Amino acid sequence: MFHVLVSDSISSDGLAPLLNDENINVVQKKVSEVDDLEKYDALLVRSATKVTEELLQKMTNLKIVARAGVGVDNIDVEAATKYGVVVINAPDGNTISTAEHTFAMMASLVRHIPQANVSVKSGEWNRSAFLGTELYGKSLGIIGLGRIGSEIAKRAKAFGMNVLVFDPFLTKDRAQKLGVNSCKLDEVLAQADIITVHTPLTKETRGLLGKENIGKTKKGVYLLNCARGGIIDEEALIHYLEIGHVKGVALDVFEVEPPVNRKLLDFEQVIATPHLGASTKEAQLNVASQVAEEVLKFLNGKPVTNSINLPTLTKDIFDKIQPFYKLAKKLGQLASQYMKEPVQHIGIVYEGTVAELETSFITKAFLAGFLGERVDSTVNEVNAGLMAKERGISFSEKIASNGSGYANCIAVQVDGDHRTFSVKATYIPNYGERIVDLNGFDIDFYPAGEVLYVEHIDKPGVIGRVGKVLGDHGVNIATMQVGRKNIGGEAIMVLTCDKLIDDQLIEALVQFDDIVSAKTIHL
């Protein structure tokens, strides 16, 4: 008999897979009301219950925590991994709900439905005040073509709209299959009549539609954000509403929720909802059913598909694989941030002692790190392969004889539409992770923190100029490594820095003739 504790409000219909199993005892109580926490094998939560390390210490028999939703901010995932507890969520249960809500907001925005509703209910009948715009024939700009963006594209095509997409990782094949036009960001901004954002909120996407980019849009553009608060800069939005450049705005999310910037909401042409993207009966039922079925599979010894942390491994295997798992994930993040373009294939070669382990987990750790920089949902070692396939990325792994000269070596090659990226790394006990080759250049650096990667010509004075620019911008160099193939030929610099590197610094560096490119990478 397995014991399952449901500590937040989750519908019985959603819990049916567990409730209908005679080998599972389901108790629906708040954690604070339970005296025998140590007996439970599984814990199901929404957002109210905080799964802390203290709670995990009390639930000594706990094997799995399931979040009936996407976010896991209320779960200490690191502590769960430490105690051998698998954490799962429902990453796609609200895809249709959010896509439909976005489309409802779009139609309401261009036809002034909320304003007209208020007018009629107040006793007015002013038809001429609410002259709207048709969606048919309009250009819809979608920024971010993940699950939700793809569903919106399908609906827009059905409405006869021309769909323009900015997603730096969208392959030509996938764009053709969906019948959308893959564009640069500036092209979407300049051509779209309506723009909707569907990216994760990251350092790169925060304020993506800010003062500069909104200024590049058509006069009379409509903007929508049903993704994450902060992707559209609210102060910039106010400015362009005031001068009449933006014709209408629909917001389901805000930088601070509930919103504190009332000035934005005072505009007649702004419509808003209180973060309702996932608020449908079907979505709530879907996320509950998904996690209930996942927990049932897990308790019956079957693999789960939406694990946030490591798959269940014996302590011995976990201890051996963990250093390479962490290294591979960093290599994936490094490759993804370097290759900001569509990718066709990823090949990984293992040499030495790492080749004796379960390399499939390590390969999927790389994919999770790589795709985590590109998609708007949780990627983990269980679903990484499937998500790569969905995005047209093939991958392979090989075992090779130890020709690298290291006790263990992970070598990766990423093939993109226009170029190839390669990296080799090793793990040395009591010394740590080391990257020993980047794009064919011999190098030796520890992959962590803020990294500046500079490609340049090997000439006297280049290193000094880079150091001066960093100094002028108040950026301190923590470590520096250089590599070259031939005297006076192609060379690289890899610097780790003590603070974030902004775009202005990068622009200052690439002004020098001998500097080919400069990139920032966060590890």
Protein backbone atom coordinates (compact mmCIF):
# COMPACT_ATOMS: atom_id res chain seq x y z
CA MET A 1 0.00 0.00 0.00
CA PHE A 2 1.31 3.43 -1.03
CA HIS A 3 0.29 6.57 0.89
CA VAL A 4 -0.26 9.81 -1.03
CA LEU A 5 -0.83 13.19 0.62
CA VAL A 6 -2.69 15.88 -1.36
CA SER A 7 -2.07 19.07 0.60
CA ASP A 8 -3.66 21.67 -1.72
CA SER A 9 -7.03 21.91 -3.41
CA ILE A 10 -7.01 19.53 -6.38
CA SER A 11 -10.21 18.21 -7.99
CA SER A 12 -11.25 14.61 -7.39
CA ASP A 13 -11.69 14.16 -11.14
CA GLY A 14 -8.04 15.05 -11.63
CA LEU A 15 -6.98 12.67 -8.88
CA ALA A 16 -9.02 9.80 -10.35
CA PRO A 17 -5.98 7.74 -11.50
CA LEU A 18 -4.82 7.58 -7.86
CA LEU A 19 -8.23 7.36 -6.19
CA ASN A 20 -9.23 4.42 -8.37
CA ASP A 21 -6.16 2.34 -7.55
CA GLU A 22 -6.82 -0.08 -4.67
CA ASN A 23 -3.13 -0.14 -3.75
CA ILE A 24 -2.98 3.59 -3.08
CA ASN A 25 -4.33 5.42 -0.06
CA VAL A 26 -5.00 9.09 -0.83
CA VAL A 27 -5.37 11.60 2.02
CA GLN A 28 -6.46 15.18 1.26
CA LYS A 29 -5.27 17.39 4.13
CA LYS A 30 -3.07 20.40 4.68
CA VAL A 31 0.46 19.52 5.75
CA SER A 32 -0.10 21.36 9.04
CA GLU A 33 -3.02 19.04 9.86
CA VAL A 34 -1.08 15.78 9.40
CA ASP A 35 0.63 14.12 12.37
CA ASP A 36 2.22 11.13 10.61
CA LEU A 37 4.07 12.84 7.75
CA GLU A 38 6.79 10.20 7.82
CA LYS A 39 4.52 7.53 6.28
CA TYR A 40 3.75 9.24 2.97
CA ASP A 41 5.36 8.07 -0.27
CA ALA A 42 4.10 10.93 -2.44
CA LEU A 43 3.07 14.57 -1.97
CA LEU A 44 0.83 16.46 -4.41
CA VAL A 45 0.74 20.26 -4.20
CA ARG A 46 -0.28 23.34 -6.13
CA SER A 47 1.17 26.71 -5.12
CA ALA A 48 0.01 27.07 -1.51
CA THR A 49 2.13 24.35 0.13
CA LYS A 50 5.81 25.25 0.55
CA VAL A 51 7.96 22.16 0.16
CA THR A 52 10.98 23.18 2.21
CA GLU A 53 14.01 21.23 3.36
CA GLU A 54 12.47 21.18 6.84
CA LEU A 55 9.33 19.50 5.49
CA LEU A 56 11.40 17.02 3.48
CA GLN A 57 13.30 16.07 6.65
CA LYS A 58 9.99 15.23 8.34
CA MET A 59 8.67 13.20 5.41
CA THR A 60 11.31 10.50 5.73
CA ASN A 61 9.54 8.02 3.41
CA LEU A 62 8.81 10.56 0.68
CA LYS A 63 9.81 9.48 -2.83
CA ILE A 64 8.12 11.99 -5.13
CA VAL A 65 6.66 15.53 -5.04
CA ALA A 66 4.19 16.47 -7.78
CA ARG A 67 3.28 20.07 -8.61
CA ALA A 68 -0.12 20.34 -10.34
CA GLY A 69 1.05 23.20 -12.56
CA VAL A 70 4.11 24.51 -14.35
CA GLY A 71 6.09 26.54 -11.82
CA VAL A 72 8.00 24.88 -8.98
CA ASP A 73 9.01 28.03 -7.10
CA ASN A 74 7.34 26.69 -3.95
CA ILE A 75 9.49 23.54 -3.97
CA ASP A 76 13.11 23.39 -2.83
CA VAL A 77 14.25 21.26 -5.78
CA GLU A 78 17.88 21.19 -4.66
CA ALA A 79 16.91 19.87 -1.23
CA ALA A 80 14.57 17.32 -2.83
CA THR A 81 17.42 16.04 -4.99
CA LYS A 82 19.66 15.90 -1.93
CA TYR A 83 17.12 13.66 -0.16
CA GLY A 84 16.53 11.50 -3.23
CA VAL A 85 13.03 12.85 -3.88
CA VAL A 86 11.91 13.18 -7.49
CA VAL A 87 10.07 16.43 -8.35
CA ILE A 88 7.60 16.47 -11.25
CA ASN A 89 5.29 19.06 -12.75
CA ALA A 90 2.75 19.44 -15.58
CA PRO A 91 4.57 21.59 -18.16
CA ASP A 92 2.02 21.51 -20.97
CA GLY A 93 -1.32 21.21 -19.18
CA ASN A 94 -2.18 24.87 -19.74
CA THR A 95 -0.90 25.21 -23.33
CA ILE A 96 -4.32 25.31 -24.99
CA SER A 97 -5.80 27.40 -22.19
CA THR A 98 -3.13 30.10 -22.53
CA ALA A 99 -3.23 30.06 -26.33
CA GLU A 100 -7.02 30.49 -26.33
CA HIS A 101 -6.84 33.25 -23.72
CA THR A 102 -4.29 35.10 -25.83
CA PHE A 103 -6.52 34.85 -28.88
CA ALA A 104 -9.55 35.97 -26.87
CA MET A 105 -7.56 38.98 -25.65
CA MET A 106 -6.46 39.73 -29.21
CA ALA A 107 -10.03 39.69 -30.58
CA SER A 108 -11.30 41.72 -27.62
CA LEU A 109 -8.54 44.26 -28.10
CA VAL A 110 -9.05 44.99 -31.80
CA ARG A 111 -12.87 45.04 -31.50
CA HIS A 112 -13.01 47.06 -28.24
CA ILE A 113 -15.26 44.44 -26.64
CA PRO A 114 -14.51 45.21 -22.96
CA GLN A 115 -15.03 48.96 -23.49
CA ALA A 116 -18.22 48.42 -25.49
CA ASN A 117 -19.57 46.08 -22.81
CA VAL A 118 -19.05 48.72 -20.11
CA SER A 119 -20.66 51.35 -22.33
CA VAL A 120 -23.83 49.34 -23.02
CA LYS A 121 -24.19 48.34 -19.36
CA SER A 122 -23.97 52.00 -18.36
CA GLY A 123 -26.98 52.79 -20.56
CA GLU A 124 -25.17 54.07 -23.68
CA TRP A 125 -25.61 52.95 -27.29
CA ASN A 126 -22.65 54.56 -29.02
CA ARG A 127 -21.78 52.29 -31.95
CA SER A 128 -19.51 54.79 -33.68
CA ALA A 129 -17.22 54.99 -30.65
CA PHE A 130 -16.13 51.36 -31.04
CA LEU A 131 -15.09 51.03 -34.66
CA GLY A 132 -12.84 47.96 -34.66
CA THR A 133 -10.29 46.19 -36.84
CA GLU A 134 -10.52 42.77 -38.49
CA LEU A 135 -7.93 40.10 -37.79
CA TYR A 136 -8.28 38.70 -41.31
CA GLY A 137 -5.39 39.74 -43.53
CA LYS A 138 -3.40 41.29 -40.68
CA SER A 139 0.19 40.38 -39.87
CA LEU A 140 0.59 38.78 -36.47
CA GLY A 141 4.07 38.88 -34.96
CA ILE A 142 4.79 36.05 -32.52
CA ILE A 143 7.94 36.42 -30.43
CA GLY A 144 8.83 32.92 -29.20
CA LEU A 145 7.48 29.81 -30.93
CA GLY A 146 7.31 27.26 -28.13
CA ARG A 147 4.25 25.15 -27.35
CA ILE A 148 1.96 28.12 -26.75
CA GLY A 149 3.34 30.22 -29.60
CA SER A 150 2.83 27.27 -31.97
CA GLU A 151 -0.81 26.88 -30.95
CA ILE A 152 -1.40 30.61 -31.48
CA ALA A 153 0.19 30.36 -34.93
CA LYS A 154 -2.24 27.57 -35.89
CA ARG A 155 -5.23 29.65 -34.80
CA ALA A 156 -3.96 32.76 -36.53
CA LYS A 157 -3.60 30.82 -39.80
CA ALA A 158 -7.22 29.69 -39.44
CA PHE A 159 -8.25 33.34 -39.11
CA GLY A 160 -6.47 34.18 -42.36
CA MET A 161 -3.63 36.07 -40.73
CA ASN A 162 -0.06 36.34 -42.01
CA VAL A 163 2.17 34.94 -39.24
CA LEU A 164 5.64 36.42 -38.69
CA VAL A 165 7.80 34.69 -36.09
CA PHE A 166 10.94 35.74 -34.28
CA ASP A 167 12.57 32.79 -32.58
CA PRO A 168 16.36 32.58 -33.01
CA PHE A 169 16.20 28.80 -32.60
CA LEU A 170 13.41 28.11 -35.10
CA THR A 171 14.59 25.76 -37.87
CA LYS A 172 13.53 26.19 -41.50
CA ASP A 173 11.83 22.77 -41.50
CA ARG A 174 9.70 23.54 -38.46
CA ALA A 175 8.73 26.97 -39.82
CA GLN A 176 7.62 25.34 -43.08
CA LYS A 177 5.60 22.68 -41.27
CA LEU A 178 3.75 25.34 -39.28
CA GLY A 179 3.32 27.62 -42.30
CA VAL A 180 4.92 30.64 -40.64
CA ASN A 181 7.53 33.14 -41.77
CA SER A 182 10.75 33.06 -39.77
CA CYS A 183 12.04 36.63 -39.41
CA LYS A 184 14.58 38.72 -37.59
CA LEU A 185 13.26 40.65 -34.59
CA ASP A 186 13.49 44.00 -36.39
CA GLU A 187 11.49 42.57 -39.30
CA VAL A 188 8.69 41.43 -36.99
CA LEU A 189 8.67 44.79 -35.22
CA ALA A 190 8.52 46.73 -38.49
CA GLN A 191 5.92 44.60 -40.30
CA ALA A 192 3.50 43.22 -37.70
CA ASP A 193 0.11 44.85 -37.08
CA ILE A 194 -0.25 42.89 -33.83
CA ILE A 195 2.60 41.53 -31.68
CA THR A 196 2.29 38.90 -28.95
CA VAL A 197 5.15 37.62 -26.77
CA HIS A 198 5.58 33.99 -25.70
CA THR A 199 9.13 33.61 -24.39
CA PRO A 200 10.39 32.65 -20.94
CA LEU A 201 11.48 35.58 -18.75
CA THR A 202 15.28 35.56 -18.83
CA LYS A 203 18.10 38.08 -18.69
CA GLU A 204 17.85 38.37 -22.48
CA THR A 205 14.06 38.70 -22.70
CA ARG A 206 13.43 41.02 -19.75
CA GLY A 207 12.41 44.34 -21.28
CA LEU A 208 12.69 42.84 -24.78
CA LEU A 209 9.92 45.17 -25.87
CA GLY A 210 11.36 48.29 -24.28
CA LYS A 211 11.66 51.88 -25.41
CA GLU A 212 14.02 51.13 -28.31
CA ASN A 213 12.19 48.13 -29.76
CA ILE A 214 8.66 49.45 -29.33
CA GLY A 215 9.88 52.50 -31.22
CA LYS A 216 10.65 50.23 -34.18
CA THR A 217 7.05 49.02 -34.48
CA LYS A 218 4.37 50.34 -36.82
CA LYS A 219 2.41 53.34 -35.65
CA GLY A 220 -0.92 51.94 -34.50
CA VAL A 221 0.47 48.55 -33.43
CA TYR A 222 -1.35 46.33 -30.93
CA LEU A 223 0.74 44.59 -28.23
CA LEU A 224 -0.15 41.55 -26.10
CA ASN A 225 1.57 39.85 -23.17
CA CYS A 226 -0.01 36.68 -21.77
CA ALA A 227 3.38 35.07 -21.05
CA ARG A 228 5.53 36.61 -18.31
CA GLY A 229 5.42 40.02 -16.72
CA GLY A 230 8.54 42.03 -17.55
CA ILE A 231 8.99 40.98 -21.18
CA ILE A 232 7.26 44.23 -22.13
CA ASP A 233 8.67 47.22 -20.25
CA GLU A 234 5.68 48.91 -18.61
CA GLU A 235 7.23 52.39 -18.42
CA ALA A 236 8.09 52.24 -22.13
CA LEU A 237 4.55 51.09 -22.83
CA ILE A 238 3.13 54.12 -21.02
CA HIS A 239 5.34 56.44 -23.09
CA TYR A 240 4.18 55.00 -26.43
CA LEU A 241 0.54 54.98 -25.35
CA GLU A 242 0.80 58.64 -24.35
CA ILE A 243 2.18 59.72 -27.74
CA GLY A 244 -0.33 57.55 -29.63
CA HIS A 245 2.19 55.20 -31.25
CA VAL A 246 0.66 52.06 -29.66
CA LYS A 247 -3.04 51.73 -30.49
CA GLY A 248 -3.95 49.08 -27.94
CA VAL A 249 -2.51 46.76 -25.31
CA ALA A 250 -3.77 43.51 -23.78
CA LEU A 251 -2.08 42.27 -20.61
CA ASP A 252 -2.66 39.13 -18.56
CA VAL A 253 0.64 39.43 -16.68
CA PHE A 254 2.52 42.29 -15.02
CA GLU A 255 5.97 43.09 -13.67
CA VAL A 256 4.45 43.11 -10.17
CA GLU A 257 1.23 41.22 -9.45
CA PRO A 258 -1.25 42.57 -8.51
CA PRO A 259 -0.10 45.53 -10.66
CA VAL A 260 1.05 48.63 -8.81
CA ASN A 261 1.47 50.82 -11.90
CA ARG A 262 -2.10 52.11 -12.05
CA LYS A 263 -1.18 54.70 -14.66
CA LEU A 264 -0.88 51.93 -17.25
CA LEU A 265 -4.34 50.61 -16.43
CA ASP A 266 -5.92 54.06 -16.67
CA PHE A 267 -5.55 54.10 -20.47
CA GLU A 268 -8.85 53.39 -22.20
CA GLN A 269 -7.06 51.35 -24.88
CA VAL A 270 -5.48 48.96 -22.33
CA ILE A 271 -7.42 45.82 -21.41
CA ALA A 272 -6.23 43.54 -18.62
CA THR A 273 -7.02 40.28 -16.86
CA PRO A 274 -5.64 38.95 -13.53
CA HIS A 275 -3.24 36.26 -14.81
CA LEU A 276 -5.98 34.01 -16.20
CA GLY A 277 -3.94 32.20 -18.85
CA ALA A 278 -4.22 28.83 -17.10
CA SER A 279 -7.55 29.51 -15.40
CA THR A 280 -9.92 27.11 -17.12
CA LYS A 281 -11.61 24.02 -15.73
CA GLU A 282 -9.96 21.98 -18.44
CA ALA A 283 -6.45 23.28 -17.71
CA GLN A 284 -6.82 22.68 -13.99
CA LEU A 285 -8.16 19.20 -14.68
CA ASN A 286 -5.35 18.55 -17.18
CA VAL A 287 -2.52 19.49 -14.81
CA ALA A 288 -4.09 17.48 -11.98
CA SER A 289 -4.60 14.43 -14.22
CA GLN A 290 -1.07 14.69 -15.61
CA VAL A 291 0.65 14.67 -12.24
CA ALA A 292 -1.70 12.02 -10.84
CA GLU A 293 -0.87 9.70 -13.74
CA GLU A 294 2.84 10.48 -13.37
CA VAL A 295 2.77 9.66 -9.65
CA LEU A 296 0.90 6.43 -10.39
CA LYS A 297 3.52 5.41 -12.96
CA PHE A 298 6.33 6.27 -10.57
CA LEU A 299 4.85 4.29 -7.68
CA ASN A 300 4.45 1.32 -10.02
CA GLY A 301 8.13 1.45 -10.92
CA LYS A 302 7.70 3.01 -14.38
CA PRO A 303 9.69 6.00 -15.71
CA VAL A 304 8.16 9.48 -15.47
CA THR A 305 8.35 12.03 -18.27
CA ASN A 306 8.21 15.37 -16.45
CA SER A 307 10.90 15.11 -13.78
CA ILE A 308 12.48 18.43 -12.76
CA ASN A 309 15.51 16.94 -11.08
CA LEU A 310 17.64 13.82 -11.55
CA PRO A 311 15.97 10.49 -12.30
CA THR A 312 15.97 8.07 -9.39
CA LEU A 313 19.41 6.44 -9.16
CA THR A 314 21.16 4.39 -6.52
CA LYS A 315 23.40 6.45 -4.27
CA ASP A 316 26.51 4.75 -5.68
CA ILE A 317 25.57 5.53 -9.29
CA PHE A 318 24.42 9.03 -8.36
CA ASP A 319 27.74 9.85 -6.69
CA LYS A 320 29.71 8.64 -9.72
CA ILE A 321 27.56 10.30 -12.36
CA GLN A 322 26.86 13.63 -10.62
CA PRO A 323 30.13 15.46 -11.53
CA PHE A 324 29.70 14.58 -15.22
CA TYR A 325 26.00 15.35 -15.10
CA LYS A 326 26.74 18.87 -13.81
CA LEU A 327 29.56 19.34 -16.34
CA ALA A 328 27.40 18.22 -19.26
CA LYS A 329 24.61 20.58 -18.27
CA LYS A 330 27.07 23.50 -18.21
CA LEU A 331 28.43 22.47 -21.61
CA GLY A 332 24.86 22.52 -22.94
CA GLN A 333 24.32 26.03 -21.60
CA LEU A 334 27.63 27.17 -23.07
CA ALA A 335 26.87 25.72 -26.50
CA SER A 336 23.36 27.16 -26.57
CA GLN A 337 24.48 30.67 -25.66
CA TYR A 338 27.29 30.55 -28.22
CA MET A 339 25.12 29.11 -31.02
CA LYS A 340 22.28 31.62 -31.10
CA GLU A 341 20.85 30.14 -34.28
CA PRO A 342 18.86 27.07 -35.38
CA VAL A 343 20.71 23.80 -34.71
CA GLN A 344 20.40 20.59 -36.74
CA HIS A 345 22.51 18.02 -34.89
CA ILE A 346 24.40 17.49 -31.63
CA GLY A 347 27.06 14.81 -31.39
CA ILE A 348 28.70 13.77 -28.11
CA VAL A 349 31.74 11.51 -27.73
CA TYR A 350 32.80 9.99 -24.39
CA GLU A 351 36.32 8.82 -23.58
CA GLY A 352 37.92 7.24 -20.52
CA THR A 353 36.21 6.60 -17.18
CA VAL A 354 33.08 8.60 -18.05
CA ALA A 355 32.43 6.15 -20.89
CA GLU A 356 31.99 3.38 -18.31
CA LEU A 357 28.96 5.14 -16.78
CA GLU A 358 25.35 5.41 -17.97
CA THR A 359 26.16 8.01 -20.62
CA SER A 360 22.53 8.39 -21.78
CA PHE A 361 21.79 10.36 -18.60
CA ILE A 362 24.80 12.59 -19.24
CA THR A 363 23.78 13.16 -22.87
CA LYS A 364 20.30 14.20 -21.78
CA ALA A 365 21.81 16.47 -19.13
CA PHE A 366 23.62 18.25 -21.98
CA LEU A 367 20.37 18.48 -23.97
CA ALA A 368 18.55 19.82 -20.91
CA GLY A 369 21.17 22.53 -20.47
CA PHE A 370 21.11 23.32 -24.18
CA LEU A 371 17.33 23.46 -24.59
CA GLY A 372 16.74 25.17 -21.24
CA GLU A 373 18.16 28.34 -22.81
CA ARG A 374 15.72 28.12 -25.73
CA VAL A 375 12.26 26.97 -24.66
CA ASP A 376 9.51 28.34 -22.45
CA SER A 377 8.89 25.18 -20.44
CA THR A 378 10.86 22.99 -18.05
CA VAL A 379 13.43 20.72 -19.70
CA ASN A 380 14.96 17.84 -17.82
CA GLU A 381 16.90 14.64 -18.40
CA VAL A 382 13.69 12.68 -18.96
CA ASN A 383 11.99 14.84 -21.58
CA ALA A 384 15.07 16.45 -23.21
CA GLY A 385 15.32 13.90 -26.02
CA LEU A 386 11.66 14.28 -26.96
CA MET A 387 11.86 18.09 -26.86
CA ALA A 388 14.95 18.05 -29.07
CA LYS A 389 13.12 15.86 -31.58
CA GLU A 390 10.08 18.18 -31.54
CA ARG A 391 12.38 21.05 -32.51
CA GLY A 392 14.06 19.19 -35.34
CA ILE A 393 17.36 18.57 -33.49
CA SER A 394 18.94 15.12 -33.88
CA PHE A 395 21.55 13.91 -31.41
CA SER A 396 23.96 11.02 -31.05
CA GLU A 397 26.50 9.68 -28.59
CA LYS A 398 29.59 7.55 -29.15
CA ILE A 399 32.21 5.82 -27.05
CA ALA A 400 35.78 6.35 -28.29
CA SER A 401 39.19 5.04 -27.34
CA ASN A 402 41.01 7.42 -25.03
CA GLY A 403 42.95 9.58 -27.45
CA SER A 404 42.49 12.88 -25.63
CA GLY A 405 45.18 12.20 -23.05
CA TYR A 406 42.74 12.81 -20.15
CA ALA A 407 41.41 10.21 -17.72
CA ASN A 408 37.95 11.19 -18.93
CA CYS A 409 36.71 13.49 -21.67
CA ILE A 410 33.38 14.72 -23.01
CA ALA A 411 33.65 16.08 -26.57
CA VAL A 412 30.67 17.84 -28.16
CA GLN A 413 30.01 19.13 -31.68
CA VAL A 414 26.93 21.24 -32.44
CA ASP A 415 26.03 21.73 -36.10
CA GLY A 416 23.94 24.79 -36.90
CA ASP A 417 22.49 26.29 -40.05
CA HIS A 418 25.54 28.48 -40.64
CA ARG A 419 28.38 27.25 -38.41
CA THR A 420 29.67 24.58 -36.05
CA PHE A 421 30.63 24.79 -32.38
CA SER A 422 32.86 22.29 -30.59
CA VAL A 423 34.01 21.88 -27.01
CA LYS A 424 35.97 19.32 -25.00
CA ALA A 425 35.93 19.08 -21.21
CA THR A 426 37.17 16.88 -18.42
CA TYR A 427 36.48 16.38 -14.72
CA ILE A 428 39.47 15.99 -12.40
CA PRO A 429 38.69 14.77 -8.83
CA ASN A 430 39.67 17.34 -6.18
CA TYR A 431 40.36 19.85 -8.96
CA GLY A 432 37.02 20.20 -10.70
CA GLU A 433 35.60 20.80 -14.15
CA ARG A 434 37.90 22.04 -16.91
CA ILE A 435 37.19 23.02 -20.49
CA VAL A 436 40.27 22.04 -22.47
CA ASP A 437 39.26 22.85 -26.05
CA LEU A 438 36.96 25.44 -27.62
CA ASN A 439 36.37 25.39 -31.36
CA GLY A 440 39.72 23.69 -31.90
CA PHE A 441 41.71 26.04 -29.63
CA ASP A 442 43.63 24.55 -26.71
CA ILE A 443 42.42 26.24 -23.52
CA ASP A 444 42.10 25.51 -19.80
CA PHE A 445 39.37 27.20 -17.79
CA TYR A 446 36.76 26.49 -15.13
CA PRO A 447 33.25 27.04 -16.57
CA ALA A 448 31.39 29.23 -14.08
CA GLY A 449 29.97 32.72 -13.67
CA GLU A 450 30.07 35.54 -16.20
CA VAL A 451 32.25 34.52 -19.15
CA LEU A 452 33.48 36.81 -21.93
CA TYR A 453 34.46 34.91 -25.08
CA VAL A 454 36.50 36.93 -27.59
CA GLU A 455 37.60 35.77 -31.05
CA HIS A 456 40.46 37.86 -32.42
CA ILE A 457 43.62 38.00 -34.50
CA ASP A 458 46.80 37.12 -32.63
CA LYS A 459 48.55 40.51 -32.63
CA PRO A 460 50.40 42.50 -29.96
CA GLY A 461 48.18 44.87 -27.99
CA VAL A 462 44.83 43.11 -28.48
CA ILE A 463 44.76 41.69 -24.96
CA GLY A 464 45.66 45.11 -23.56
CA ARG A 465 42.83 46.79 -25.46
CA VAL A 466 40.33 44.25 -24.15
CA GLY A 467 41.57 44.81 -20.59
CA LYS A 468 41.26 48.58 -20.96
CA VAL A 469 37.69 48.39 -22.24
CA LEU A 470 36.74 46.16 -19.31
CA GLY A 471 38.44 48.55 -16.91
CA ASP A 472 36.69 51.55 -18.45
CA HIS A 473 33.36 49.81 -17.83
CA GLY A 474 34.22 48.91 -14.25
CA VAL A 475 34.45 45.16 -14.93
CA ASN A 476 37.11 43.26 -13.00
CA ILE A 477 38.76 40.21 -14.60
CA ALA A 478 38.78 37.16 -12.32
CA THR A 479 40.58 34.74 -14.67
CA MET A 480 41.87 34.86 -18.23
CA GLN A 481 42.88 32.15 -20.67
CA VAL A 482 44.10 32.53 -24.26
CA GLY A 483 44.48 30.10 -27.13
CA ARG A 484 45.79 30.23 -30.69
CA LYS A 485 46.51 27.89 -33.55
CA ASN A 486 49.28 29.80 -35.30
CA ILE A 487 51.38 32.90 -34.54
CA GLY A 488 49.57 35.90 -35.97
CA GLY A 489 46.50 33.82 -36.86
CA GLU A 490 43.12 33.15 -35.29
CA ALA A 491 43.04 33.29 -31.50
CA ILE A 492 40.58 33.36 -28.60
CA MET A 493 40.37 34.85 -25.12
CA VAL A 494 38.15 33.44 -22.39
CA LEU A 495 37.72 35.71 -19.37
CA THR A 496 35.62 35.20 -16.27
CA CYS A 497 34.41 38.48 -14.78
CA ASP A 498 33.12 39.68 -11.43
CA LYS A 499 30.00 41.42 -12.76
CA LEU A 500 27.51 41.30 -15.60
CA ILE A 501 28.80 42.37 -19.01
CA ASP A 502 26.40 44.69 -20.81
CA ASP A 503 25.78 45.24 -24.52
CA GLN A 504 27.65 48.56 -24.51
CA LEU A 505 30.86 46.82 -23.47
CA ILE A 506 30.46 44.25 -26.26
CA GLU A 507 29.82 47.03 -28.78
CA ALA A 508 32.99 48.81 -27.63
CA LEU A 509 35.07 45.65 -28.09
CA VAL A 510 33.92 44.79 -31.60
CA GLN A 511 34.89 48.27 -32.81
CA PHE A 512 38.53 47.13 -32.87
CA ASP A 513 39.66 45.79 -36.27
CA ASP A 514 41.52 42.83 -34.79
CA ILE A 515 38.55 41.62 -32.71
CA VAL A 516 36.33 39.34 -34.81
CA SER A 517 33.54 38.81 -32.26
CA ALA A 518 32.74 39.02 -28.55
CA LYS A 519 30.06 37.11 -26.67
CA THR A 520 28.83 36.93 -23.10
CA ILE A 521 28.01 33.54 -21.61
CA HIS A 522 26.51 32.96 -18.17
CA LEU A 523 27.28 29.62 -16.49
